[in-house]
Amino acid sequence: MTPKSKAEELVKKFLDATNCYSWEAKQCALIAVDEIIKTEPRYPSNVDWDDAGGTHQYYYEEQRKEANSYWQQVKEEIKKL
């Protein structure tokens, strides 16, 4: 899922769940994404074993970097909505 489509999905879910204004749903989605980023997720990730130098210590670090980048992009897309 692209960062833009994930951002739209999150905001829509908060709109549907809370029946609030769109700016409030955006704030809720931003809070949720910030919490996800704090957990240092490894997914979603398209890191290939070879991209990470072929060792597990680099593989997991590359997954974290890529997932962090993805969620940062989602955050920026939410701000644009």
PDB file of N, CA and C in Angstrom:
ATOM      1  N   MET A   1       0.852  -1.173   0.000  1.00  0.00           N
ATOM      2  CA  MET A   1       0.000   0.000   0.000  1.00  0.00           C
ATOM      3  C   MET A   1       0.901   1.239   0.000  1.00  0.00           C
ATOM      4  N   THR A   2       0.562   2.188  -0.825  1.00  0.00           N
ATOM      5  CA  THR A   2       1.377   3.404  -0.882  1.00  0.00           C
ATOM      6  C   THR A   2       1.153   4.241   0.372  1.00  0.00           C
ATOM      7  N   PRO A   3       2.121   5.099   0.701  1.00  0.00           N
ATOM      8  CA  PRO A   3       1.929   5.981   1.854  1.00  0.00           C
ATOM      9  C   PRO A   3       0.666   6.846   1.725  1.00  0.00           C
ATOM     10  N   LYS A   4       0.393   7.307   0.513  1.00  0.00           N
ATOM     11  CA  LYS A   4      -0.786   8.153   0.306  1.00  0.00           C
ATOM     12  C   LYS A   4      -2.074   7.378   0.574  1.00  0.00           C
ATOM     13  N   SER A   5      -2.162   6.168   0.037  1.00  0.00           N
ATOM     14  CA  SER A   5      -3.386   5.390   0.251  1.00  0.00           C
ATOM     15  C   SER A   5      -3.533   4.968   1.714  1.00  0.00           C
ATOM     16  N   LYS A   6      -2.417   4.696   2.401  1.00  0.00           N
ATOM     17  CA  LYS A   6      -2.483   4.368   3.830  1.00  0.00           C
ATOM     18  C   LYS A   6      -2.949   5.588   4.626  1.00  0.00           C
ATOM     19  N   ALA A   7      -2.471   6.770   4.267  1.00  0.00           N
ATOM     20  CA  ALA A   7      -2.895   7.996   4.944  1.00  0.00           C
ATOM     21  C   ALA A   7      -4.394   8.212   4.769  1.00  0.00           C
ATOM     22  N   GLU A   8      -4.865   8.057   3.549  1.00  0.00           N
ATOM     23  CA  GLU A   8      -6.293   8.227   3.277  1.00  0.00           C
ATOM     24  C   GLU A   8      -7.119   7.194   4.041  1.00  0.00           C
ATOM     25  N   GLU A   9      -6.640   5.955   4.085  1.00  0.00           N
ATOM     26  CA  GLU A   9      -7.344   4.898   4.795  1.00  0.00           C
ATOM     27  C   GLU A   9      -7.448   5.208   6.290  1.00  0.00           C
ATOM     28  N   LEU A  10      -6.337   5.639   6.898  1.00  0.00           N
ATOM     29  CA  LEU A  10      -6.357   5.942   8.331  1.00  0.00           C
ATOM     30  C   LEU A  10      -7.311   7.077   8.668  1.00  0.00           C
ATOM     31  N   VAL A  11      -7.249   8.149   7.890  1.00  0.00           N
ATOM     32  CA  VAL A  11      -8.131   9.289   8.149  1.00  0.00           C
ATOM     33  C   VAL A  11      -9.583   8.868   7.983  1.00  0.00           C
ATOM     34  N   LYS A  12      -9.880   8.102   6.935  1.00  0.00           N
ATOM     35  CA  LYS A  12     -11.259   7.639   6.721  1.00  0.00           C
ATOM     36  C   LYS A  12     -11.733   6.767   7.889  1.00  0.00           C
ATOM     37  N   LYS A  13     -10.860   5.896   8.388  1.00  0.00           N
ATOM     38  CA  LYS A  13     -11.246   5.038   9.516  1.00  0.00           C
ATOM     39  C   LYS A  13     -11.582   5.869  10.755  1.00  0.00           C
ATOM     40  N   PHE A  14     -10.796   6.912  11.007  1.00  0.00           N
ATOM     41  CA  PHE A  14     -11.094   7.768  12.153  1.00  0.00           C
ATOM     42  C   PHE A  14     -12.362   8.574  11.922  1.00  0.00           C
ATOM     43  N   LEU A  15     -12.597   9.009  10.698  1.00  0.00           N
ATOM     44  CA  LEU A  15     -13.846   9.715  10.388  1.00  0.00           C
ATOM     45  C   LEU A  15     -15.045   8.809  10.633  1.00  0.00           C
ATOM     46  N   ASP A  16     -14.958   7.583  10.134  1.00  0.00           N
ATOM     47  CA  ASP A  16     -16.062   6.634  10.277  1.00  0.00           C
ATOM     48  C   ASP A  16     -16.292   6.237  11.734  1.00  0.00           C
ATOM     49  N   ALA A  17     -15.199   6.059  12.470  1.00  0.00           N
ATOM     50  CA  ALA A  17     -15.310   5.578  13.851  1.00  0.00           C
ATOM     51  C   ALA A  17     -15.783   6.651  14.821  1.00  0.00           C
ATOM     52  N   THR A  18     -15.443   7.886  14.562  1.00  0.00           N
ATOM     53  CA  THR A  18     -15.732   8.942  15.533  1.00  0.00           C
ATOM     54  C   THR A  18     -16.804   9.916  15.100  1.00  0.00           C
ATOM     55  N   ASN A  19     -17.121   9.916  13.801  1.00  0.00           N
ATOM     56  CA  ASN A  19     -18.108  10.855  13.284  1.00  0.00           C
ATOM     57  C   ASN A  19     -17.721  12.295  13.637  1.00  0.00           C
ATOM     58  N   CYS A  20     -16.448  12.609  13.445  1.00  0.00           N
ATOM     59  CA  CYS A  20     -15.948  13.938  13.782  1.00  0.00           C
ATOM     60  C   CYS A  20     -15.591  14.704  12.510  1.00  0.00           C
ATOM     61  N   TYR A  21     -15.062  15.895  12.683  1.00  0.00           N
ATOM     62  CA  TYR A  21     -14.615  16.708  11.553  1.00  0.00           C
ATOM     63  C   TYR A  21     -13.341  16.131  10.956  1.00  0.00           C
ATOM     64  N   SER A  22     -13.098  16.448   9.693  1.00  0.00           N
ATOM     65  CA  SER A  22     -11.927  15.874   9.017  1.00  0.00           C
ATOM     66  C   SER A  22     -10.613  16.299   9.669  1.00  0.00           C
ATOM     67  N   TRP A  23     -10.538  17.535  10.169  1.00  0.00           N
ATOM     68  CA  TRP A  23      -9.278  17.966  10.796  1.00  0.00           C
ATOM     69  C   TRP A  23      -9.028  17.192  12.087  1.00  0.00           C
ATOM     70  N   GLU A  24     -10.118  16.805  12.775  1.00  0.00           N
ATOM     71  CA  GLU A  24      -9.958  15.996  13.997  1.00  0.00           C
ATOM     72  C   GLU A  24      -9.510  14.577  13.645  1.00  0.00           C
ATOM     73  N   ALA A  25     -10.059  14.030  12.579  1.00  0.00           N
ATOM     74  CA  ALA A  25      -9.659  12.696  12.134  1.00  0.00           C
ATOM     75  C   ALA A  25      -8.194  12.690  11.715  1.00  0.00           C
ATOM     76  N   LYS A  26      -7.776  13.783  11.072  1.00  0.00           N
ATOM     77  CA  LYS A  26      -6.365  13.889  10.684  1.00  0.00           C
ATOM     78  C   LYS A  26      -5.467  13.918  11.912  1.00  0.00           C
ATOM     79  N   GLN A  27      -5.863  14.647  12.927  1.00  0.00           N
ATOM     80  CA  GLN A  27      -5.071  14.718  14.165  1.00  0.00           C
ATOM     81  C   GLN A  27      -4.984  13.336  14.817  1.00  0.00           C
ATOM     82  N   CYS A  28      -6.086  12.618  14.841  1.00  0.00           N
ATOM     83  CA  CYS A  28      -6.085  11.269  15.406  1.00  0.00           C
ATOM     84  C   CYS A  28      -5.158  10.351  14.610  1.00  0.00           C
ATOM     85  N   ALA A  29      -5.224  10.443  13.293  1.00  0.00           N
ATOM     86  CA  ALA A  29      -4.365   9.621  12.445  1.00  0.00           C
ATOM     87  C   ALA A  29      -2.891   9.966  12.660  1.00  0.00           C
ATOM     88  N   LEU A  30      -2.585  11.248  12.820  1.00  0.00           N
ATOM     89  CA  LEU A  30      -1.201  11.656  13.082  1.00  0.00           C
ATOM     90  C   LEU A  30      -0.704  11.105  14.415  1.00  0.00           C
ATOM     91  N   ILE A  31      -1.552  11.129  15.413  1.00  0.00           N
ATOM     92  CA  ILE A  31      -1.181  10.571  16.718  1.00  0.00           C
ATOM     93  C   ILE A  31      -0.919   9.072  16.580  1.00  0.00           C
ATOM     94  N   ALA A  32      -1.777   8.384  15.854  1.00  0.00           N
ATOM     95  CA  ALA A  32      -1.610   6.943  15.664  1.00  0.00           C
ATOM     96  C   ALA A  32      -0.299   6.631  14.948  1.00  0.00           C
ATOM     97  N   VAL A  33       0.015   7.385  13.908  1.00  0.00           N
ATOM     98  CA  VAL A  33       1.256   7.161  13.160  1.00  0.00           C
ATOM     99  C   VAL A  33       2.468   7.469  14.033  1.00  0.00           C
ATOM    100  N   ASP A  34       2.395   8.521  14.825  1.00  0.00           N
ATOM    101  CA  ASP A  34       3.496   8.818  15.753  1.00  0.00           C
ATOM    102  C   ASP A  34       3.731   7.659  16.715  1.00  0.00           C
ATOM    103  N   GLU A  35       2.656   7.050  17.188  1.00  0.00           N
ATOM    104  CA  GLU A  35       2.786   5.907  18.098  1.00  0.00           C
ATOM    105  C   GLU A  35       3.399   4.703  17.379  1.00  0.00           C
ATOM    106  N   ILE A  36       3.023   4.501  16.132  1.00  0.00           N
ATOM    107  CA  ILE A  36       3.609   3.415  15.338  1.00  0.00           C
ATOM    108  C   ILE A  36       5.110   3.657  15.175  1.00  0.00           C
ATOM    109  N   ILE A  37       5.490   4.883  14.839  1.00  0.00           N
ATOM    110  CA  ILE A  37       6.900   5.211  14.644  1.00  0.00           C
ATOM    111  C   ILE A  37       7.695   4.971  15.924  1.00  0.00           C
ATOM    112  N   LYS A  38       7.122   5.299  17.066  1.00  0.00           N
ATOM    113  CA  LYS A  38       7.811   5.102  18.345  1.00  0.00           C
ATOM    114  C   LYS A  38       8.129   3.638  18.626  1.00  0.00           C
ATOM    115  N   THR A  39       7.354   2.731  18.072  1.00  0.00           N
ATOM    116  CA  THR A  39       7.584   1.306  18.315  1.00  0.00           C
ATOM    117  C   THR A  39       8.724   0.746  17.476  1.00  0.00           C
ATOM    118  N   GLU A  40       9.289   1.569  16.610  1.00  0.00           N
ATOM    119  CA  GLU A  40      10.356   1.148  15.700  1.00  0.00           C
ATOM    120  C   GLU A  40       9.961  -0.117  14.928  1.00  0.00           C
ATOM    121  N   PRO A  41       8.891  -0.020  14.128  1.00  0.00           N
ATOM    122  CA  PRO A  41       8.400  -1.200  13.408  1.00  0.00           C
ATOM    123  C   PRO A  41       9.382  -1.690  12.347  1.00  0.00           C
ATOM    124  N   ARG A  42       9.246  -2.948  11.991  1.00  0.00           N
ATOM    125  CA  ARG A  42      10.052  -3.495  10.898  1.00  0.00           C
ATOM    126  C   ARG A  42       9.205  -3.712   9.659  1.00  0.00           C
ATOM    127  N   TYR A  43       7.912  -3.501   9.749  1.00  0.00           N
ATOM    128  CA  TYR A  43       7.026  -3.726   8.614  1.00  0.00           C
ATOM    129  C   TYR A  43       6.160  -2.510   8.406  1.00  0.00           C
ATOM    130  N   PRO A  44       5.727  -2.144   7.206  1.00  0.00           N
ATOM    131  CA  PRO A  44       6.008  -2.870   5.976  1.00  0.00           C
ATOM    132  C   PRO A  44       7.449  -2.669   5.533  1.00  0.00           C
ATOM    133  N   SER A  45       7.981  -3.669   4.884  1.00  0.00           N
ATOM    134  CA  SER A  45       9.359  -3.610   4.442  1.00  0.00           C
ATOM    135  C   SER A  45       9.550  -4.465   3.202  1.00  0.00           C
ATOM    136  N   ASN A  46      10.252  -3.932   2.259  1.00  0.00           N
ATOM    137  CA  ASN A  46      10.595  -4.681   1.047  1.00  0.00           C
ATOM    138  C   ASN A  46      12.084  -4.962   0.998  1.00  0.00           C
ATOM    139  N   VAL A  47      12.746  -4.897   2.144  1.00  0.00           N
ATOM    140  CA  VAL A  47      14.183  -5.100   2.180  1.00  0.00           C
ATOM    141  C   VAL A  47      14.511  -6.536   1.797  1.00  0.00           C
ATOM    142  N   ASP A  48      15.422  -6.664   0.883  1.00  0.00           N
ATOM    143  CA  ASP A  48      15.915  -7.965   0.459  1.00  0.00           C
ATOM    144  C   ASP A  48      17.160  -8.299   1.273  1.00  0.00           C
ATOM    145  N   TRP A  49      17.337  -9.582   1.550  1.00  0.00           N
ATOM    146  CA  TRP A  49      18.509 -10.027   2.316  1.00  0.00           C
ATOM    147  C   TRP A  49      19.787  -9.465   1.700  1.00  0.00           C
ATOM    148  N   ASP A  50      19.901  -9.484   0.366  1.00  0.00           N
ATOM    149  CA  ASP A  50      21.101  -8.981  -0.314  1.00  0.00           C
ATOM    150  C   ASP A  50      21.257  -7.466  -0.165  1.00  0.00           C
ATOM    151  N   ASP A  51      20.135  -6.754  -0.061  1.00  0.00           N
ATOM    152  CA  ASP A  51      20.199  -5.298   0.123  1.00  0.00           C
ATOM    153  C   ASP A  51      20.824  -4.936   1.455  1.00  0.00           C
ATOM    154  N   ALA A  52      20.770  -5.852   2.406  1.00  0.00           N
ATOM    155  CA  ALA A  52      21.242  -5.581   3.756  1.00  0.00           C
ATOM    156  C   ALA A  52      22.621  -6.177   4.025  1.00  0.00           C
ATOM    157  N   GLY A  53      23.318  -6.544   2.982  1.00  0.00           N
ATOM    158  CA  GLY A  53      24.658  -7.076   3.170  1.00  0.00           C
ATOM    159  C   GLY A  53      24.682  -8.551   3.531  1.00  0.00           C
ATOM    160  N   GLY A  54      23.537  -9.220   3.464  1.00  0.00           N
ATOM    161  CA  GLY A  54      23.490 -10.656   3.653  1.00  0.00           C
ATOM    162  C   GLY A  54      23.652 -11.169   5.077  1.00  0.00           C
ATOM    163  N   THR A  55      23.660 -10.298   6.079  1.00  0.00           N
ATOM    164  CA  THR A  55      23.739 -10.789   7.454  1.00  0.00           C
ATOM    165  C   THR A  55      22.531 -10.305   8.232  1.00  0.00           C
ATOM    166  N   HIS A  56      22.111 -11.123   9.185  1.00  0.00           N
ATOM    167  CA  HIS A  56      20.879 -10.807   9.911  1.00  0.00           C
ATOM    168  C   HIS A  56      20.962  -9.498  10.683  1.00  0.00           C
ATOM    169  N   GLN A  57      22.136  -9.128  11.199  1.00  0.00           N
ATOM    170  CA  GLN A  57      22.203  -7.892  11.980  1.00  0.00           C
ATOM    171  C   GLN A  57      21.899  -6.670  11.122  1.00  0.00           C
ATOM    172  N   TYR A  58      22.281  -6.706   9.863  1.00  0.00           N
ATOM    173  CA  TYR A  58      21.995  -5.581   8.968  1.00  0.00           C
ATOM    174  C   TYR A  58      20.586  -5.675   8.392  1.00  0.00           C
ATOM    175  N   TYR A  59      20.121  -6.895   8.201  1.00  0.00           N
ATOM    176  CA  TYR A  59      18.796  -7.100   7.627  1.00  0.00           C
ATOM    177  C   TYR A  59      17.712  -6.440   8.482  1.00  0.00           C
ATOM    178  N   TYR A  60      17.743  -6.698   9.782  1.00  0.00           N
ATOM    179  CA  TYR A  60      16.713  -6.140  10.653  1.00  0.00           C
ATOM    180  C   TYR A  60      16.840  -4.626  10.771  1.00  0.00           C
ATOM    181  N   GLU A  61      18.046  -4.116  10.762  1.00  0.00           N
ATOM    182  CA  GLU A  61      18.241  -2.665  10.805  1.00  0.00           C
ATOM    183  C   GLU A  61      17.695  -2.013   9.527  1.00  0.00           C
ATOM    184  N   GLU A  62      17.942  -2.649   8.392  1.00  0.00           N
ATOM    185  CA  GLU A  62      17.417  -2.124   7.131  1.00  0.00           C
ATOM    186  C   GLU A  62      15.887  -2.166   7.116  1.00  0.00           C
ATOM    187  N   GLN A  63      15.308  -3.223   7.687  1.00  0.00           N
ATOM    188  CA  GLN A  63      13.847  -3.286   7.783  1.00  0.00           C
ATOM    189  C   GLN A  63      13.323  -2.112   8.610  1.00  0.00           C
ATOM    190  N   ARG A  64      13.959  -1.835   9.719  1.00  0.00           N
ATOM    191  CA  ARG A  64      13.528  -0.717  10.582  1.00  0.00           C
ATOM    192  C   ARG A  64      13.634   0.614   9.841  1.00  0.00           C
ATOM    193  N   LYS A  65      14.738   0.810   9.143  1.00  0.00           N
ATOM    194  CA  LYS A  65      14.919   2.065   8.398  1.00  0.00           C
ATOM    195  C   LYS A  65      13.837   2.237   7.342  1.00  0.00           C
ATOM    196  N   GLU A  66      13.567   1.168   6.610  1.00  0.00           N
ATOM    197  CA  GLU A  66      12.577   1.261   5.545  1.00  0.00           C
ATOM    198  C   GLU A  66      11.171   1.468   6.103  1.00  0.00           C
ATOM    199  N   ALA A  67      10.837   0.750   7.160  1.00  0.00           N
ATOM    200  CA  ALA A  67       9.517   0.913   7.772  1.00  0.00           C
ATOM    201  C   ALA A  67       9.360   2.319   8.347  1.00  0.00           C
ATOM    202  N   ASN A  68      10.411   2.835   8.986  1.00  0.00           N
ATOM    203  CA  ASN A  68      10.362   4.192   9.530  1.00  0.00           C
ATOM    204  C   ASN A  68      10.141   5.196   8.405  1.00  0.00           C
ATOM    205  N   SER A  69      10.841   5.012   7.310  1.00  0.00           N
ATOM    206  CA  SER A  69      10.679   5.905   6.162  1.00  0.00           C
ATOM    207  C   SER A  69       9.240   5.856   5.641  1.00  0.00           C
ATOM    208  N   TYR A  70       8.683   4.665   5.550  1.00  0.00           N
ATOM    209  CA  TYR A  70       7.305   4.494   5.080  1.00  0.00           C
ATOM    210  C   TYR A  70       6.335   5.266   5.979  1.00  0.00           C
ATOM    211  N   TRP A  71       6.447   5.069   7.304  1.00  0.00           N
ATOM    212  CA  TRP A  71       5.508   5.726   8.214  1.00  0.00           C
ATOM    213  C   TRP A  71       5.711   7.233   8.251  1.00  0.00           C
ATOM    214  N   GLN A  72       6.940   7.692   8.059  1.00  0.00           N
ATOM    215  CA  GLN A  72       7.176   9.144   7.959  1.00  0.00           C
ATOM    216  C   GLN A  72       6.478   9.698   6.712  1.00  0.00           C
ATOM    217  N   GLN A  73       6.522   8.934   5.627  1.00  0.00           N
ATOM    218  CA  GLN A  73       5.832   9.360   4.405  1.00  0.00           C
ATOM    219  C   GLN A  73       4.319   9.381   4.614  1.00  0.00           C
ATOM    220  N   VAL A  74       3.809   8.387   5.314  1.00  0.00           N
ATOM    221  CA  VAL A  74       2.371   8.358   5.627  1.00  0.00           C
ATOM    222  C   VAL A  74       1.995   9.610   6.402  1.00  0.00           C
ATOM    223  N   LYS A  75       2.826   9.952   7.389  1.00  0.00           N
ATOM    224  CA  LYS A  75       2.587  11.138   8.200  1.00  0.00           C
ATOM    225  C   LYS A  75       2.523  12.396   7.338  1.00  0.00           C
ATOM    226  N   GLU A  76       3.446  12.522   6.408  1.00  0.00           N
ATOM    227  CA  GLU A  76       3.456  13.691   5.522  1.00  0.00           C
ATOM    228  C   GLU A  76       2.224  13.715   4.618  1.00  0.00           C
ATOM    229  N   GLU A  77       1.798  12.559   4.167  1.00  0.00           N
ATOM    230  CA  GLU A  77       0.592  12.489   3.327  1.00  0.00           C
ATOM    231  C   GLU A  77      -0.656  12.880   4.116  1.00  0.00           C
ATOM    232  N   ILE A  78      -0.713  12.480   5.371  1.00  0.00           N
ATOM    233  CA  ILE A  78      -1.869  12.877   6.222  1.00  0.00           C
ATOM    234  C   ILE A  78      -1.909  14.391   6.339  1.00  0.00           C
ATOM    235  N   LYS A  79      -0.765  15.018   6.526  1.00  0.00           N
ATOM    236  CA  LYS A  79      -0.713  16.481   6.662  1.00  0.00           C
ATOM    237  C   LYS A  79      -1.197  17.175   5.388  1.00  0.00           C
ATOM    238  N   LYS A  80      -0.997  16.537   4.234  1.00  0.00           N
ATOM    239  CA  LYS A  80      -1.409  17.136   2.960  1.00  0.00           C
ATOM    240  C   LYS A  80      -2.915  17.032   2.714  1.00  0.00           C
ATOM    241  N   LEU A  81      -3.565  16.080   3.399  1.00  0.00           N
ATOM    242  CA  LEU A  81      -5.015  15.890   3.163  1.00  0.00           C
ATOM    243  C   LEU A  81      -5.837  17.067   3.646  1.00  0.00           C
TER     244      LEU A  81
END
